[in-house]
C-alpha atoms as a PDB file:
ATOM      1  CA  MET A   1      96.400 110.585  83.908  1.00  0.00           C
ATOM      2  CA  LYS A   2      98.569 114.911  83.818  1.00  0.00           C
ATOM      3  CA  ASN A   3      97.028 116.874  86.448  1.00  0.00           C
ATOM      4  CA  VAL A   4      96.172 120.519  83.887  1.00  0.00           C
ATOM      5  CA  LYS A   5      97.587 123.360  85.911  1.00  0.00           C
ATOM      6  CA  LYS A   6      94.318 125.885  85.357  1.00  0.00           C
ATOM      7  CA  ILE A   7      94.428 129.401  85.719  1.00  0.00           C
ATOM      8  CA  TYR A   8      91.033 131.535  85.095  1.00  0.00           C
ATOM      9  CA  THR A   9      91.506 135.574  84.763  1.00  0.00           C
ATOM     10  CA  LEU A  10      89.081 138.155  84.519  1.00  0.00           C
ATOM     11  CA  GLY A  11      88.310 141.636  85.158  1.00  0.00           C
ATOM     12  CA  HIS A  12      86.414 143.846  87.185  1.00  0.00           C
ATOM     13  CA  SER A  13      85.976 146.878  84.952  1.00  0.00           C
ATOM     14  CA  THR A  14      82.662 148.938  86.736  1.00  0.00           C
ATOM     15  CA  VAL A  15      80.193 145.719  87.281  1.00  0.00           C
ATOM     16  CA  SER A  16      78.784 145.455  91.138  1.00  0.00           C
ATOM     17  CA  SER A  17      80.877 143.534  94.117  1.00  0.00           C
ATOM     18  CA  SER A  18      77.323 141.035  93.664  1.00  0.00           C
ATOM     19  CA  PHE A  19      78.153 140.604  89.758  1.00  0.00           C
ATOM     20  CA  PHE A  20      81.589 140.344  90.051  1.00  0.00           C
ATOM     21  CA  LEU A  21      81.020 137.269  93.090  1.00  0.00           C
ATOM     22  CA  SER A  22      78.032 135.657  91.004  1.00  0.00           C
ATOM     23  CA  ILE A  23      81.170 134.792  87.499  1.00  0.00           C
ATOM     24  CA  ILE A  24      83.665 134.066  90.699  1.00  0.00           C
ATOM     25  CA  GLN A  25      81.759 131.485  92.564  1.00  0.00           C
ATOM     26  CA  LYS A  26      80.076 129.941  88.784  1.00  0.00           C
ATOM     27  CA  PHE A  27      83.277 128.852  88.119  1.00  0.00           C
ATOM     28  CA  GLY A  28      83.807 127.246  91.133  1.00  0.00           C
ATOM     29  CA  ILE A  29      86.618 130.127  91.745  1.00  0.00           C
ATOM     30  CA  SER A  30      88.111 130.919  95.212  1.00  0.00           C
ATOM     31  CA  CYS A  31      91.000 132.938  95.323  1.00  0.00           C
ATOM     32  CA  ILE A  32      91.507 135.868  93.443  1.00  0.00           C
ATOM     33  CA  VAL A  33      95.492 136.531  93.080  1.00  0.00           C
ATOM     34  CA  ASP A  34      95.307 141.168  92.172  1.00  0.00           C
ATOM     35  CA  VAL A  35      97.951 142.147  89.283  1.00  0.00           C
ATOM     36  CA  ARG A  36      96.838 145.457  89.830  1.00  0.00           C
ATOM     37  CA  SER A  37     100.213 147.303  89.931  1.00  0.00           C
ATOM     38  CA  VAL A  38      97.792 149.621  91.858  1.00  0.00           C
ATOM     39  CA  PRO A  39      95.376 148.020  92.833  1.00  0.00           C
ATOM     40  CA  TYR A  40      93.183 150.727  94.133  1.00  0.00           C
ATOM     41  CA  SER A  41      89.883 152.419  91.262  1.00  0.00           C
ATOM     42  CA  ARG A  42      88.079 155.713  90.653  1.00  0.00           C
ATOM     43  CA  HIS A  43      85.721 154.593  89.179  1.00  0.00           C
ATOM     44  CA  ALA A  44      84.730 151.440  90.931  1.00  0.00           C
ATOM     45  CA  PRO A  45      86.104 152.259  94.420  1.00  0.00           C
ATOM     46  CA  GLN A  46      84.519 148.758  94.796  1.00  0.00           C
ATOM     47  CA  TYR A  47      87.596 147.542  94.255  1.00  0.00           C
ATOM     48  CA  ASN A  48      89.714 148.561  96.263  1.00  0.00           C
ATOM     49  CA  LYS A  49      92.414 145.965  97.189  1.00  0.00           C
ATOM     50  CA  GLU A  50      91.183 146.757 101.204  1.00  0.00           C
ATOM     51  CA  ASP A  51      87.260 147.550 100.920  1.00  0.00           C
ATOM     52  CA  LEU A  52      87.792 143.990  97.860  1.00  0.00           C
ATOM     53  CA  SER A  53      89.628 141.918 100.668  1.00  0.00           C
ATOM     54  CA  ARG A  54      87.246 142.415 103.043  1.00  0.00           C
ATOM     55  CA  PHE A  55      83.851 141.593 101.010  1.00  0.00           C
ATOM     56  CA  LEU A  56      85.934 138.748  99.545  1.00  0.00           C
ATOM     57  CA  LYS A  57      86.195 137.504 103.169  1.00  0.00           C
ATOM     58  CA  ARG A  58      83.140 137.156 104.311  1.00  0.00           C
ATOM     59  CA  ASN A  59      81.289 135.191 100.712  1.00  0.00           C
ATOM     60  CA  SER A  60      85.241 132.621 101.838  1.00  0.00           C
ATOM     61  CA  ILE A  61      86.954 133.550  99.438  1.00  0.00           C
ATOM     62  CA  GLN A  62      91.037 134.778  99.255  1.00  0.00           C
ATOM     63  CA  TYR A  63      92.690 137.715  98.328  1.00  0.00           C
ATOM     64  CA  VAL A  64      96.188 137.714  96.946  1.00  0.00           C
ATOM     65  CA  PHE A  65      97.749 140.843  96.055  1.00  0.00           C
ATOM     66  CA  MET A  66     100.324 140.015  93.335  1.00  0.00           C
ATOM     67  CA  GLY A  67     100.984 143.819  91.582  1.00  0.00           C
ATOM     68  CA  ASP A  68     104.320 142.966  92.314  1.00  0.00           C
ATOM     69  CA  GLU A  69     104.768 140.613  91.201  1.00  0.00           C
ATOM     70  CA  PHE A  70     102.979 140.411  87.175  1.00  0.00           C
ATOM     71  CA  GLY A  71     102.033 143.646  87.591  1.00  0.00           C
ATOM     72  CA  ALA A  72     101.593 146.426  84.295  1.00  0.00           C
ATOM     73  CA  ARG A  73     103.942 149.435  85.955  1.00  0.00           C
ATOM     74  CA  ARG A  74     107.462 148.038  87.279  1.00  0.00           C
ATOM     75  CA  GLU A  75     111.125 149.689  88.609  1.00  0.00           C
ATOM     76  CA  GLU A  76     113.770 148.268  87.132  1.00  0.00           C
ATOM     77  CA  GLN A  77     114.121 150.877  83.986  1.00  0.00           C
ATOM     78  CA  SER A  78     116.007 147.740  82.134  1.00  0.00           C
ATOM     79  CA  LEU A  79     112.885 146.471  81.692  1.00  0.00           C
ATOM     80  CA  TYR A  80     111.335 149.063  79.872  1.00  0.00           C
ATOM     81  CA  SER A  81     112.023 149.381  75.557  1.00  0.00           C
ATOM     82  CA  PRO A  82     114.285 152.127  73.931  1.00  0.00           C
ATOM     83  CA  SER A  83     110.678 153.936  73.114  1.00  0.00           C
ATOM     84  CA  GLY A  84     109.473 154.480  76.995  1.00  0.00           C
ATOM     85  CA  TYR A  85     106.842 151.257  77.379  1.00  0.00           C
ATOM     86  CA  LEU A  86     106.788 148.130  79.519  1.00  0.00           C
ATOM     87  CA  ASP A  87     109.219 145.010  77.427  1.00  0.00           C
ATOM     88  CA  PHE A  88     106.613 142.212  78.173  1.00  0.00           C
ATOM     89  CA  GLU A  89     108.954 139.973  76.681  1.00  0.00           C
ATOM     90  CA  ARG A  90     111.625 141.074  79.137  1.00  0.00           C
ATOM     91  CA  THR A  91     110.285 140.933  82.335  1.00  0.00           C
ATOM     92  CA  ARG A  92     108.734 137.358  82.018  1.00  0.00           C
ATOM     93  CA  LYS A  93     112.457 136.583  82.317  1.00  0.00           C
ATOM     94  CA  SER A  94     112.375 139.077  84.837  1.00  0.00           C
ATOM     95  CA  GLU A  95     113.718 137.650  89.290  1.00  0.00           C
ATOM     96  CA  LEU A  96     109.854 138.773  90.589  1.00  0.00           C
ATOM     97  CA  PHE A  97     107.926 137.176  87.274  1.00  0.00           C
ATOM     98  CA  MET A  98     109.363 134.127  87.815  1.00  0.00           C
ATOM     99  CA  ARG A  99     108.889 134.329  91.795  1.00  0.00           C
ATOM    100  CA  GLY A 100     104.675 135.494  90.563  1.00  0.00           C
ATOM    101  CA  ILE A 101     104.866 131.435  89.376  1.00  0.00           C
ATOM    102  CA  GLU A 102     106.036 129.917  91.813  1.00  0.00           C
ATOM    103  CA  ARG A 103     103.678 131.001  94.333  1.00  0.00           C
ATOM    104  CA  ILE A 104     100.967 130.780  92.011  1.00  0.00           C
ATOM    105  CA  ASN A 105     101.860 127.260  91.694  1.00  0.00           C
ATOM    106  CA  LYS A 106     101.587 126.967  95.966  1.00  0.00           C
ATOM    107  CA  GLY A 107      98.223 128.096  95.783  1.00  0.00           C
ATOM    108  CA  LEU A 108      97.415 125.644  92.934  1.00  0.00           C
ATOM    109  CA  GLN A 109      98.390 122.993  95.007  1.00  0.00           C
ATOM    110  CA  ALA A 110      97.359 124.187  97.707  1.00  0.00           C
ATOM    111  CA  GLY A 111      94.079 123.614  96.453  1.00  0.00           C
ATOM    112  CA  PHE A 112      93.580 127.209  94.957  1.00  0.00           C
ATOM    113  CA  THR A 113      90.929 127.999  92.060  1.00  0.00           C
ATOM    114  CA  ILE A 114      92.495 130.754  90.763  1.00  0.00           C
ATOM    115  CA  ALA A 115      91.594 133.906  88.875  1.00  0.00           C
ATOM    116  CA  LEU A 116      93.809 136.820  88.230  1.00  0.00           C
ATOM    117  CA  MET A 117      92.341 139.611  88.155  1.00  0.00           C
ATOM    118  CA  CYS A 118      92.802 142.758  86.745  1.00  0.00           C
ATOM    119  CA  THR A 119      90.376 146.578  85.542  1.00  0.00           C
ATOM    120  CA  GLU A 120      90.180 145.656  81.857  1.00  0.00           C
ATOM    121  CA  LYS A 121      86.791 143.676  80.311  1.00  0.00           C
ATOM    122  CA  TRP A 122      88.244 142.545  77.624  1.00  0.00           C
ATOM    123  CA  ALA A 123      91.108 139.371  78.702  1.00  0.00           C
ATOM    124  CA  ILE A 124      93.094 141.076  74.740  1.00  0.00           C
ATOM    125  CA  GLU A 125      92.869 144.534  75.838  1.00  0.00           C
ATOM    126  CA  CYS A 126      94.977 143.498  79.489  1.00  0.00           C
ATOM    127  CA  HIS A 127      97.840 143.234  80.170  1.00  0.00           C
ATOM    128  CA  ARG A 128      96.686 139.675  82.827  1.00  0.00           C
ATOM    129  CA  SER A 129      96.269 138.032  79.616  1.00  0.00           C
ATOM    130  CA  ILE A 130      99.096 139.407  77.015  1.00  0.00           C
ATOM    131  CA  LEU A 131     101.825 140.041  79.479  1.00  0.00           C
ATOM    132  CA  VAL A 132     100.872 137.539  82.488  1.00  0.00           C
ATOM    133  CA  GLY A 133      98.609 135.001  80.211  1.00  0.00           C
ATOM    134  CA  LYS A 134     101.199 134.643  78.149  1.00  0.00           C
ATOM    135  CA  GLY A 135     103.784 133.663  80.860  1.00  0.00           C
ATOM    136  CA  LEU A 136     101.866 131.201  82.079  1.00  0.00           C
ATOM    137  CA  ALA A 137     101.133 129.651  78.837  1.00  0.00           C
ATOM    138  CA  ASP A 138     105.125 129.166  78.222  1.00  0.00           C
ATOM    139  CA  VAL A 139     105.649 127.362  81.463  1.00  0.00           C
ATOM    140  CA  GLY A 140     102.252 124.684  80.993  1.00  0.00           C
ATOM    141  CA  PHE A 141      99.494 126.277  82.624  1.00  0.00           C
ATOM    142  CA  GLU A 142      95.591 126.529  81.194  1.00  0.00           C
ATOM    143  CA  VAL A 143      95.215 129.703  80.685  1.00  0.00           C
ATOM    144  CA  VAL A 144      91.343 130.461  81.179  1.00  0.00           C
ATOM    145  CA  HIS A 145      89.553 133.896  80.173  1.00  0.00           C
ATOM    146  CA  ILE A 146      86.348 134.887  81.529  1.00  0.00           C
ATOM    147  CA  ASP A 147      84.137 137.598  80.010  1.00  0.00           C
ATOM    148  CA  HIS A 148      81.113 138.892  81.557  1.00  0.00           C
ATOM    149  CA  ASP A 149      78.775 137.313  80.327  1.00  0.00           C
ATOM    150  CA  SER A 150      81.149 134.184  81.607  1.00  0.00           C
ATOM    151  CA  ASN A 151      81.900 132.378  77.766  1.00  0.00           C
ATOM    152  CA  THR A 152      85.093 131.367  78.200  1.00  0.00           C
ATOM    153  CA  MET A 153      88.153 131.540  76.181  1.00  0.00           C
ATOM    154  CA  THR A 154      91.302 129.610  75.804  1.00  0.00           C
ATOM    155  CA  GLN A 155      95.090 131.370  75.429  1.00  0.00           C
ATOM    156  CA  PRO A 156      95.574 129.596  72.828  1.00  0.00           C
ATOM    157  CA  GLU A 157      92.071 130.527  71.208  1.00  0.00           C
ATOM    158  CA  MET A 158      93.227 134.304  71.985  1.00  0.00           C
ATOM    159  CA  GLU A 159      96.355 134.366  70.346  1.00  0.00           C
ATOM    160  CA  GLN A 160      94.179 133.001  67.628  1.00  0.00           C
ATOM    161  CA  VAL A 161      91.766 136.422  67.529  1.00  0.00           C
ATOM    162  CA  LEU A 162      95.550 138.213  68.062  1.00  0.00           C
ATOM    163  CA  LEU A 163      96.441 136.446  65.046  1.00  0.00           C
ATOM    164  CA  LYS A 164      93.216 137.663  62.164  1.00  0.00           C
ATOM    165  CA  MET A 165      94.044 141.664  64.524  1.00  0.00           C
ATOM    166  CA  TYR A 166      96.683 141.647  63.785  1.00  0.00           C
ATOM    167  CA  PHE A 167      97.596 139.242  60.142  1.00  0.00           C
ATOM    168  CA  PRO A 168      94.398 139.526  58.245  1.00  0.00           C
ATOM    169  CA  GLU A 169      96.004 138.363  55.191  1.00  0.00           C
ATOM    170  CA  VAL A 170      98.822 136.143  56.579  1.00  0.00           C
ATOM    171  CA  ASN A 171     100.142 135.587  53.329  1.00  0.00           C
ATOM    172  CA  MET A 172     101.407 139.367  52.518  1.00  0.00           C
ATOM    173  CA  PHE A 173     103.667 139.091  56.337  1.00  0.00           C
ATOM    174  CA  ALA A 174     107.622 138.134  55.430  1.00  0.00           C
ATOM    175  CA  ASP A 175     110.791 137.837  57.553  1.00  0.00           C
ATOM    176  CA  GLN A 176     113.947 139.746  57.231  1.00  0.00           C
ATOM    177  CA  LEU A 177     114.921 137.225  54.437  1.00  0.00           C
ATOM    178  CA  GLY A 178     111.644 136.999  52.347  1.00  0.00           C
ATOM    179  CA  GLU A 179     110.262 133.883  53.706  1.00  0.00           C
ATOM    180  CA  PRO A 180     106.740 133.916  54.817  1.00  0.00           C
ATOM    181  CA  LEU A 181     106.536 133.936  58.538  1.00  0.00           C
ATOM    182  CA  ASN A 182     104.797 130.156  60.185  1.00  0.00           C
ATOM    183  CA  GLU A 183     101.826 130.771  62.817  1.00  0.00           C
ATOM    184  CA  ALA A 184     103.926 130.371  65.647  1.00  0.00           C
ATOM    185  CA  ALA A 185     106.478 133.357  64.472  1.00  0.00           C
ATOM    186  CA  MET A 186     103.208 135.903  63.861  1.00  0.00           C
ATOM    187  CA  ILE A 187     101.806 134.781  67.004  1.00  0.00           C
ATOM    188  CA  GLU A 188     104.604 136.198  68.873  1.00  0.00           C
ATOM    189  CA  GLU A 189     104.733 138.984  66.404  1.00  0.00           C
ATOM    190  CA  ALA A 190     101.147 139.750  67.353  1.00  0.00           C
ATOM    191  CA  TYR A 191     102.445 140.113  70.901  1.00  0.00           C
ATOM    192  CA  ARG A 192     105.079 142.202  70.528  1.00  0.00           C
ATOM    193  CA  ARG A 193     102.539 144.599  68.484  1.00  0.00           C
ATOM    194  CA  LYS A 194      99.666 144.410  71.216  1.00  0.00           C
ATOM    195  CA  ASN A 195     102.667 145.418  74.236  1.00  0.00           C
ATOM    196  CA  LYS A 196     103.380 148.029  72.418  1.00  0.00           C
ATOM    197  CA  GLU A 197      99.301 150.002  72.200  1.00  0.00           C
ATOM    198  CA  ILE A 198      99.048 148.325  76.427  1.00  0.00           C
ATOM    199  CA  GLY A 199     102.118 148.900  77.225  1.00  0.00           C
ATOM    200  CA  PHE A 200     102.335 151.486  80.346  1.00  0.00           C
ATOM    201  CA  ILE A 201     104.613 154.890  79.557  1.00  0.00           C
ATOM    202  CA  GLY A 202     107.559 154.739  82.315  1.00  0.00           C
ATOM    203  CA  TYR A 203     110.853 155.129  80.718  1.00  0.00           C
ATOM    204  CA  GLU A 204     112.229 156.865  78.102  1.00  0.00           C
ATOM    205  CA  ASP A 205     116.007 155.972  76.442  1.00  0.00           C
ATOM    206  CA  LYS A 206     115.683 159.923  75.459  1.00  0.00           C
ATOM    207  CA  GLU A 207     119.515 159.275  73.086  1.00  0.00           C
ATOM    208  CA  ALA A 208     117.712 156.629  71.646  1.00  0.00           C
ATOM    209  CA  ALA A 209     114.299 158.490  71.335  1.00  0.00           C
ATOM    210  CA  HIS A 210     115.944 161.493  69.737  1.00  0.00           C
ATOM    211  CA  ASN A 211     118.091 159.298  67.123  1.00  0.00           C
END
């Protein structure tokens, strides 16, 4: 039987360190991969990079910062849309993002049970699912999102929520030729719409913006 490459995700929000620990221990997570571009929190300083790393180490859990590879803020202007927000499709194709996937693979091969961590409580509102989760799922990972009640949602299950969010009346939507969109096409479009809503605004094509 083929080995399944499973990755968890969760958001810390403002919960206590002990509560956060109880969730990751429940799922047997042995490595937290921090996908925040800026690994600090004004409202929850217990999740500042150094404090979190020390806390996890005391509890025999590895901490790895991968905000460069998987963060939602990027230095490369080519990864931003003409409207100025980070284009997740372009980002997933970038060399740095692909190197991040290689690092995740190596971590799994080393025997770690990995969870991607970001700030946002709900995965569907966070780049950890819309950018990173999709990128991992597209290359064969099983991505499982954990909420604060320890409920789980797989990436395909989350895609169905996205579908209902943006296409409540499926038959009303058609492509440029007037043909009904199939489910896969609608899911891709739903990802793009969510990307536009949550993507970091960091660069604006001034010429495009004034056209």
